[in-house]
Amino acid sequence: GEAESMVNACNRAGIKLLCGYQGRHFGAF
């Protein structure tokens, strides 16, 4: 519920919400 409220609030406000999954930048992945 909390996570959905965060995503929904940012989507409604036109704010770009990121989550700290920085491992998506690792070259091997």
Full PDB file with SEQRES, HELIX, SHEET, SSBOND, CRYST1, ORIGX, SCALE, CONECT and MASTER records, all heavy atoms in Angstrom:
SEQRES   1 A   29  GLY GLU ALA GLU SER MET VAL ASN ALA CYS ASN ARG ALA          
SEQRES   2 A   29  GLY ILE LYS LEU LEU CYS GLY TYR GLN GLY ARG HIS PHE          
SEQRES   3 A   29  GLY ALA PHE                                                  
HELIX    1 AA1 GLU A    2  ALA A   13  1                                  12    
HELIX    2 AA2 GLN A   22  HIS A   25  5                                   4    
CRYST1    1.000    1.000    1.000  90.00  90.00  90.00 P 1           1          
ORIGX1      1.000000  0.000000  0.000000        0.00000                         
ORIGX2      0.000000  1.000000  0.000000        0.00000                         
ORIGX3      0.000000  0.000000  1.000000        0.00000                         
SCALE1      1.000000  0.000000  0.000000        0.00000                         
SCALE2      0.000000  1.000000  0.000000        0.00000                         
SCALE3      0.000000  0.000000  1.000000        0.00000                         
ATOM      1  N   GLY A   1       0.814  -1.211   0.000  1.00  0.00           N  
ATOM      2  CA  GLY A   1       0.000   0.000   0.000  1.00  0.00           C  
ATOM      3  C   GLY A   1       0.844   1.255   0.000  1.00  0.00           C  
ATOM      4  O   GLY A   1       0.569   2.207  -0.734  1.00  0.00           O  
ATOM      5  N   GLU A   2       1.890   1.276   0.833  1.00  0.00           N  
ATOM      6  CA  GLU A   2       2.762   2.441   0.883  1.00  0.00           C  
ATOM      7  C   GLU A   2       3.495   2.644  -0.437  1.00  0.00           C  
ATOM      8  O   GLU A   2       3.612   3.767  -0.938  1.00  0.00           O  
ATOM      9  CB  GLU A   2       3.772   2.278   2.015  1.00  0.00           C  
ATOM     10  CG  GLU A   2       3.181   2.375   3.404  1.00  0.00           C  
ATOM     11  CD  GLU A   2       4.208   2.067   4.470  1.00  0.00           C  
ATOM     12  OE1 GLU A   2       5.001   1.120   4.294  1.00  0.00           O  
ATOM     13  OE2 GLU A   2       4.221   2.781   5.493  1.00  0.00           O  
ATOM     14  N   ALA A   3       4.003   1.550  -1.003  1.00  0.00           N  
ATOM     15  CA  ALA A   3       4.747   1.658  -2.265  1.00  0.00           C  
ATOM     16  C   ALA A   3       3.850   2.178  -3.385  1.00  0.00           C  
ATOM     17  O   ALA A   3       4.250   3.036  -4.177  1.00  0.00           O  
ATOM     18  CB  ALA A   3       5.339   0.303  -2.642  1.00  0.00           C  
ATOM     19  N   GLU A   4       2.640   1.655  -3.462  1.00  0.00           N  
ATOM     20  CA  GLU A   4       1.706   2.116  -4.497  1.00  0.00           C  
ATOM     21  C   GLU A   4       1.358   3.585  -4.305  1.00  0.00           C  
ATOM     22  O   GLU A   4       1.221   4.326  -5.295  1.00  0.00           O  
ATOM     23  CB  GLU A   4       0.444   1.253  -4.478  1.00  0.00           C  
ATOM     24  CG  GLU A   4       0.672  -0.157  -5.003  1.00  0.00           C  
ATOM     25  CD  GLU A   4      -0.538  -1.058  -4.850  1.00  0.00           C  
ATOM     26  OE1 GLU A   4      -1.478  -0.685  -4.087  1.00  0.00           O  
ATOM     27  OE2 GLU A   4      -0.549  -2.132  -5.463  1.00  0.00           O  
ATOM     28  N   SER A   5       1.234   4.026  -3.056  1.00  0.00           N  
ATOM     29  CA  SER A   5       0.914   5.436  -2.821  1.00  0.00           C  
ATOM     30  C   SER A   5       2.046   6.331  -3.305  1.00  0.00           C  
ATOM     31  O   SER A   5       1.802   7.434  -3.828  1.00  0.00           O  
ATOM     32  CB  SER A   5       0.628   5.683  -1.334  1.00  0.00           C  
ATOM     33  OG  SER A   5       1.806   5.595  -0.550  1.00  0.00           O  
ATOM     34  N   MET A   6       3.280   5.886  -3.157  1.00  0.00           N  
ATOM     35  CA  MET A   6       4.431   6.664  -3.626  1.00  0.00           C  
ATOM     36  C   MET A   6       4.428   6.786  -5.149  1.00  0.00           C  
ATOM     37  O   MET A   6       4.578   7.880  -5.702  1.00  0.00           O  
ATOM     38  CB  MET A   6       5.728   5.993  -3.163  1.00  0.00           C  
ATOM     39  CG  MET A   6       5.918   5.974  -1.656  1.00  0.00           C  
ATOM     40  SD  MET A   6       7.147   4.757  -1.113  1.00  0.00           S  
ATOM     41  CE  MET A   6       8.671   5.485  -1.759  1.00  0.00           C  
ATOM     42  N   VAL A   7       4.265   5.652  -5.817  1.00  0.00           N  
ATOM     43  CA  VAL A   7       4.264   5.651  -7.287  1.00  0.00           C  
ATOM     44  C   VAL A   7       3.092   6.460  -7.819  1.00  0.00           C  
ATOM     45  O   VAL A   7       3.243   7.279  -8.736  1.00  0.00           O  
ATOM     46  CB  VAL A   7       4.234   4.207  -7.826  1.00  0.00           C  
ATOM     47  CG1 VAL A   7       4.055   4.197  -9.341  1.00  0.00           C  
ATOM     48  CG2 VAL A   7       5.522   3.469  -7.451  1.00  0.00           C  
ATOM     49  N   ASN A   8       1.917   6.263  -7.234  1.00  0.00           N  
ATOM     50  CA  ASN A   8       0.726   6.964  -7.723  1.00  0.00           C  
ATOM     51  C   ASN A   8       0.831   8.469  -7.507  1.00  0.00           C  
ATOM     52  O   ASN A   8       0.448   9.268  -8.383  1.00  0.00           O  
ATOM     53  CB  ASN A   8      -0.525   6.426  -7.030  1.00  0.00           C  
ATOM     54  CG  ASN A   8      -0.847   5.001  -7.448  1.00  0.00           C  
ATOM     55  OD1 ASN A   8      -0.423   4.543  -8.499  1.00  0.00           O  
ATOM     56  ND2 ASN A   8      -1.596   4.287  -6.626  1.00  0.00           N  
ATOM     57  N   ALA A   9       1.334   8.883  -6.347  1.00  0.00           N  
ATOM     58  CA  ALA A   9       1.460  10.313  -6.067  1.00  0.00           C  
ATOM     59  C   ALA A   9       2.418  10.979  -7.042  1.00  0.00           C  
ATOM     60  O   ALA A   9       2.151  12.084  -7.545  1.00  0.00           O  
ATOM     61  CB  ALA A   9       1.939  10.526  -4.631  1.00  0.00           C  
ATOM     62  N   CYS A  10       3.526  10.331  -7.332  1.00  0.00           N  
ATOM     63  CA  CYS A  10       4.499  10.918  -8.266  1.00  0.00           C  
ATOM     64  C   CYS A  10       3.964  10.922  -9.684  1.00  0.00           C  
ATOM     65  O   CYS A  10       4.152  11.897 -10.433  1.00  0.00           O  
ATOM     66  CB  CYS A  10       5.827  10.166  -8.177  1.00  0.00           C  
ATOM     67  SG  CYS A  10       6.717  10.476  -6.637  1.00  0.00           S  
ATOM     68  N   ASN A  11       3.293   9.843 -10.088  1.00  0.00           N  
ATOM     69  CA  ASN A  11       2.717   9.808 -11.434  1.00  0.00           C  
ATOM     70  C   ASN A  11       1.680  10.920 -11.610  1.00  0.00           C  
ATOM     71  O   ASN A  11       1.637  11.596 -12.653  1.00  0.00           O  
ATOM     72  CB  ASN A  11       2.085   8.445 -11.705  1.00  0.00           C  
ATOM     73  CG  ASN A  11       3.123   7.351 -11.963  1.00  0.00           C  
ATOM     74  OD1 ASN A  11       4.288   7.638 -12.244  1.00  0.00           O  
ATOM     75  ND2 ASN A  11       2.706   6.105 -11.875  1.00  0.00           N  
ATOM     76  N   ARG A  12       0.844  11.125 -10.588  1.00  0.00           N  
ATOM     77  CA  ARG A  12      -0.178  12.181 -10.681  1.00  0.00           C  
ATOM     78  C   ARG A  12       0.453  13.560 -10.769  1.00  0.00           C  
ATOM     79  O   ARG A  12      -0.057  14.444 -11.478  1.00  0.00           O  
ATOM     80  CB  ARG A  12      -1.118  12.116  -9.467  1.00  0.00           C  
ATOM     81  CG  ARG A  12      -2.126  11.004  -9.495  1.00  0.00           C  
ATOM     82  CD  ARG A  12      -3.225  11.236  -8.468  1.00  0.00           C  
ATOM     83  NE  ARG A  12      -2.683  11.343  -7.119  1.00  0.00           N  
ATOM     84  CZ  ARG A  12      -2.543  10.324  -6.285  1.00  0.00           C  
ATOM     85  NH1 ARG A  12      -2.905   9.113  -6.653  1.00  0.00           N  
ATOM     86  NH2 ARG A  12      -2.045  10.521  -5.071  1.00  0.00           N  
ATOM     87  N   ALA A  13       1.550  13.763 -10.059  1.00  0.00           N  
ATOM     88  CA  ALA A  13       2.195  15.081 -10.027  1.00  0.00           C  
ATOM     89  C   ALA A  13       3.169  15.292 -11.183  1.00  0.00           C  
ATOM     90  O   ALA A  13       3.744  16.374 -11.306  1.00  0.00           O  
ATOM     91  CB  ALA A  13       2.926  15.257  -8.694  1.00  0.00           C  
ATOM     92  N   GLY A  14       3.356  14.283 -12.016  1.00  0.00           N  
ATOM     93  CA  GLY A  14       4.307  14.401 -13.116  1.00  0.00           C  
ATOM     94  C   GLY A  14       5.754  14.388 -12.638  1.00  0.00           C  
ATOM     95  O   GLY A  14       6.645  14.903 -13.334  1.00  0.00           O  
ATOM     96  N   ILE A  15       5.991  13.792 -11.483  1.00  0.00           N  
ATOM     97  CA  ILE A  15       7.340  13.695 -10.924  1.00  0.00           C  
ATOM     98  C   ILE A  15       7.942  12.353 -11.314  1.00  0.00           C  
ATOM     99  O   ILE A  15       7.285  11.314 -11.213  1.00  0.00           O  
ATOM    100  CB  ILE A  15       7.300  13.827  -9.384  1.00  0.00           C  
ATOM    101  CG1 ILE A  15       6.802  15.224  -8.984  1.00  0.00           C  
ATOM    102  CG2 ILE A  15       8.666  13.545  -8.765  1.00  0.00           C  
ATOM    103  CD1 ILE A  15       6.475  15.351  -7.508  1.00  0.00           C  
ATOM    104  N   LYS A  16       9.182  12.374 -11.745  1.00  0.00           N  
ATOM    105  CA  LYS A  16       9.878  11.143 -12.112  1.00  0.00           C  
ATOM    106  C   LYS A  16      10.390  10.480 -10.828  1.00  0.00           C  
ATOM    107  O   LYS A  16      11.279  11.007 -10.172  1.00  0.00           O  
ATOM    108  CB  LYS A  16      11.020  11.456 -13.075  1.00  0.00           C  
ATOM    109  CG  LYS A  16      10.562  12.154 -14.352  1.00  0.00           C  
ATOM    110  CD  LYS A  16      11.734  12.486 -15.256  1.00  0.00           C  
ATOM    111  CE  LYS A  16      11.323  13.366 -16.432  1.00  0.00           C  
ATOM    112  NZ  LYS A  16      10.216  12.851 -17.234  1.00  0.00           N  
ATOM    113  N   LEU A  17       9.835   9.314 -10.496  1.00  0.00           N  
ATOM    114  CA  LEU A  17      10.245   8.595  -9.294  1.00  0.00           C  
ATOM    115  C   LEU A  17      11.201   7.469  -9.671  1.00  0.00           C  
ATOM    116  O   LEU A  17      10.885   6.637 -10.526  1.00  0.00           O  
ATOM    117  CB  LEU A  17       9.024   8.007  -8.581  1.00  0.00           C  
ATOM    118  CG  LEU A  17       9.319   7.121  -7.359  1.00  0.00           C  
ATOM    119  CD1 LEU A  17       9.974   7.926  -6.239  1.00  0.00           C  
ATOM    120  CD2 LEU A  17       8.038   6.437  -6.872  1.00  0.00           C  
ATOM    121  N   LEU A  18      12.368   7.464  -9.037  1.00  0.00           N  
ATOM    122  CA  LEU A  18      13.323   6.369  -9.199  1.00  0.00           C  
ATOM    123  C   LEU A  18      13.411   5.599  -7.890  1.00  0.00           C  
ATOM    124  O   LEU A  18      13.140   6.130  -6.818  1.00  0.00           O  
ATOM    125  CB  LEU A  18      14.725   6.886  -9.537  1.00  0.00           C  
ATOM    126  CG  LEU A  18      14.902   7.872 -10.694  1.00  0.00           C  
ATOM    127  CD1 LEU A  18      16.395   8.107 -10.934  1.00  0.00           C  
ATOM    128  CD2 LEU A  18      14.226   7.363 -11.944  1.00  0.00           C  
ATOM    129  N   CYS A  19      13.828   4.335  -7.983  1.00  0.00           N  
ATOM    130  CA  CYS A  19      14.157   3.546  -6.803  1.00  0.00           C  
ATOM    131  C   CYS A  19      15.633   3.167  -6.874  1.00  0.00           C  
ATOM    132  O   CYS A  19      16.175   2.973  -7.975  1.00  0.00           O  
ATOM    133  CB  CYS A  19      13.280   2.293  -6.731  1.00  0.00           C  
ATOM    134  SG  CYS A  19      13.499   1.364  -5.184  1.00  0.00           S  
ATOM    135  N   GLY A  20      16.284   3.043  -5.731  1.00  0.00           N  
ATOM    136  CA  GLY A  20      17.739   2.886  -5.682  1.00  0.00           C  
ATOM    137  C   GLY A  20      18.261   1.525  -6.076  1.00  0.00           C  
ATOM    138  O   GLY A  20      19.093   0.949  -5.359  1.00  0.00           O  
ATOM    139  N   TYR A  21      17.825   1.020  -7.218  1.00  0.00           N  
ATOM    140  CA  TYR A  21      18.339  -0.243  -7.749  1.00  0.00           C  
ATOM    141  C   TYR A  21      19.454   0.056  -8.740  1.00  0.00           C  
ATOM    142  O   TYR A  21      19.342  -0.162  -9.945  1.00  0.00           O  
ATOM    143  CB  TYR A  21      17.211  -1.043  -8.392  1.00  0.00           C  
ATOM    144  CG  TYR A  21      16.198  -1.540  -7.387  1.00  0.00           C  
ATOM    145  CD1 TYR A  21      14.841  -1.266  -7.528  1.00  0.00           C  
ATOM    146  CD2 TYR A  21      16.603  -2.282  -6.277  1.00  0.00           C  
ATOM    147  CE1 TYR A  21      13.917  -1.720  -6.599  1.00  0.00           C  
ATOM    148  CE2 TYR A  21      15.680  -2.741  -5.343  1.00  0.00           C  
ATOM    149  CZ  TYR A  21      14.344  -2.459  -5.515  1.00  0.00           C  
ATOM    150  OH  TYR A  21      13.438  -2.902  -4.582  1.00  0.00           O  
ATOM    151  N   GLN A  22      20.567   0.571  -8.197  1.00  0.00           N  
ATOM    152  CA  GLN A  22      21.668   1.015  -9.054  1.00  0.00           C  
ATOM    153  C   GLN A  22      22.370  -0.142  -9.757  1.00  0.00           C  
ATOM    154  O   GLN A  22      23.080   0.059 -10.744  1.00  0.00           O  
ATOM    155  CB  GLN A  22      22.689   1.809  -8.222  1.00  0.00           C  
ATOM    156  CG  GLN A  22      22.143   3.080  -7.607  1.00  0.00           C  
ATOM    157  CD  GLN A  22      21.552   2.873  -6.220  1.00  0.00           C  
ATOM    158  OE1 GLN A  22      21.608   1.781  -5.653  1.00  0.00           O  
ATOM    159  NE2 GLN A  22      20.966   3.924  -5.658  1.00  0.00           N  
ATOM    160  N   GLY A  23      22.161  -1.382  -9.280  1.00  0.00           N  
ATOM    161  CA  GLY A  23      22.779  -2.536  -9.922  1.00  0.00           C  
ATOM    162  C   GLY A  23      22.324  -2.754 -11.351  1.00  0.00           C  
ATOM    163  O   GLY A  23      22.966  -3.498 -12.104  1.00  0.00           O  
ATOM    164  N   ARG A  24      21.237  -2.109 -11.758  1.00  0.00           N  
ATOM    165  CA  ARG A  24      20.811  -2.190 -13.156  1.00  0.00           C  
ATOM    166  C   ARG A  24      21.825  -1.549 -14.108  1.00  0.00           C  
ATOM    167  O   ARG A  24      21.742  -1.751 -15.316  1.00  0.00           O  
ATOM    168  CB  ARG A  24      19.453  -1.499 -13.318  1.00  0.00           C  
ATOM    169  CG  ARG A  24      18.290  -2.286 -12.753  1.00  0.00           C  
ATOM    170  CD  ARG A  24      16.971  -1.533 -12.816  1.00  0.00           C  
ATOM    171  NE  ARG A  24      15.855  -2.418 -12.529  1.00  0.00           N  
ATOM    172  CZ  ARG A  24      14.856  -2.694 -13.366  1.00  0.00           C  
ATOM    173  NH1 ARG A  24      14.834  -2.128 -14.566  1.00  0.00           N  
ATOM    174  NH2 ARG A  24      13.895  -3.517 -13.024  1.00  0.00           N  
ATOM    175  N   HIS A  25      22.767  -0.777 -13.559  1.00  0.00           N  
ATOM    176  CA  HIS A  25      23.788  -0.151 -14.398  1.00  0.00           C  
ATOM    177  C   HIS A  25      25.029  -1.029 -14.553  1.00  0.00           C  
ATOM    178  O   HIS A  25      25.919  -0.680 -15.330  1.00  0.00           O  
ATOM    179  CB  HIS A  25      24.195   1.202 -13.808  1.00  0.00           C  
ATOM    180  CG  HIS A  25      23.088   2.201 -13.771  1.00  0.00           C  
ATOM    181  ND1 HIS A  25      22.764   3.012 -14.845  1.00  0.00           N  
ATOM    182  CD2 HIS A  25      22.202   2.512 -12.786  1.00  0.00           C  
ATOM    183  CE1 HIS A  25      21.740   3.781 -14.523  1.00  0.00           C  
ATOM    184  NE2 HIS A  25      21.378   3.505 -13.289  1.00  0.00           N  
ATOM    185  N   PHE A  26      25.125  -2.138 -13.814  1.00  0.00           N  
ATOM    186  CA  PHE A  26      26.284  -3.002 -13.947  1.00  0.00           C  
ATOM    187  C   PHE A  26      26.337  -3.559 -15.369  1.00  0.00           C  
ATOM    188  O   PHE A  26      25.335  -4.068 -15.892  1.00  0.00           O  
ATOM    189  CB  PHE A  26      26.223  -4.164 -12.954  1.00  0.00           C  
ATOM    190  CG  PHE A  26      26.315  -3.748 -11.506  1.00  0.00           C  
ATOM    191  CD1 PHE A  26      26.020  -4.651 -10.499  1.00  0.00           C  
ATOM    192  CD2 PHE A  26      26.706  -2.474 -11.133  1.00  0.00           C  
ATOM    193  CE1 PHE A  26      26.115  -4.296  -9.161  1.00  0.00           C  
ATOM    194  CE2 PHE A  26      26.801  -2.106  -9.796  1.00  0.00           C  
ATOM    195  CZ  PHE A  26      26.501  -3.022  -8.812  1.00  0.00           C  
ATOM    196  N   GLY A  27      27.521  -3.481 -15.987  1.00  0.00           N  
ATOM    197  CA  GLY A  27      27.654  -3.851 -17.389  1.00  0.00           C  
ATOM    198  C   GLY A  27      27.218  -5.262 -17.703  1.00  0.00           C  
ATOM    199  O   GLY A  27      26.596  -5.521 -18.747  1.00  0.00           O  
ATOM    200  N   ALA A  28      27.515  -6.226 -16.818  1.00  0.00           N  
ATOM    201  CA  ALA A  28      27.177  -7.621 -17.092  1.00  0.00           C  
ATOM    202  C   ALA A  28      25.666  -7.827 -17.168  1.00  0.00           C  
ATOM    203  O   ALA A  28      25.182  -8.648 -17.962  1.00  0.00           O  
ATOM    204  CB  ALA A  28      27.779  -8.522 -16.017  1.00  0.00           C  
ATOM    205  N   PHE A  29      24.905  -7.086 -16.361  1.00  0.00           N  
ATOM    206  CA  PHE A  29      23.453  -7.242 -16.377  1.00  0.00           C  
ATOM    207  C   PHE A  29      22.844  -6.630 -17.633  1.00  0.00           C  
ATOM    208  O   PHE A  29      21.890  -7.178 -18.205  1.00  0.00           O  
ATOM    209  CB  PHE A  29      22.850  -6.636 -15.106  1.00  0.00           C  
ATOM    210  CG  PHE A  29      23.123  -7.463 -13.891  1.00  0.00           C  
ATOM    211  CD1 PHE A  29      24.290  -7.284 -13.167  1.00  0.00           C  
ATOM    212  CD2 PHE A  29      22.246  -8.447 -13.494  1.00  0.00           C  
ATOM    213  CE1 PHE A  29      24.571  -8.064 -12.059  1.00  0.00           C  
ATOM    214  CE2 PHE A  29      22.506  -9.238 -12.377  1.00  0.00           C  
ATOM    215  CZ  PHE A  29      23.682  -9.044 -11.668  1.00  0.00           C  
TER     216      PHE A  29                                                      
MASTER        0    0    0    2    0    0    0    6  215    1    0    3          
END                                                                             
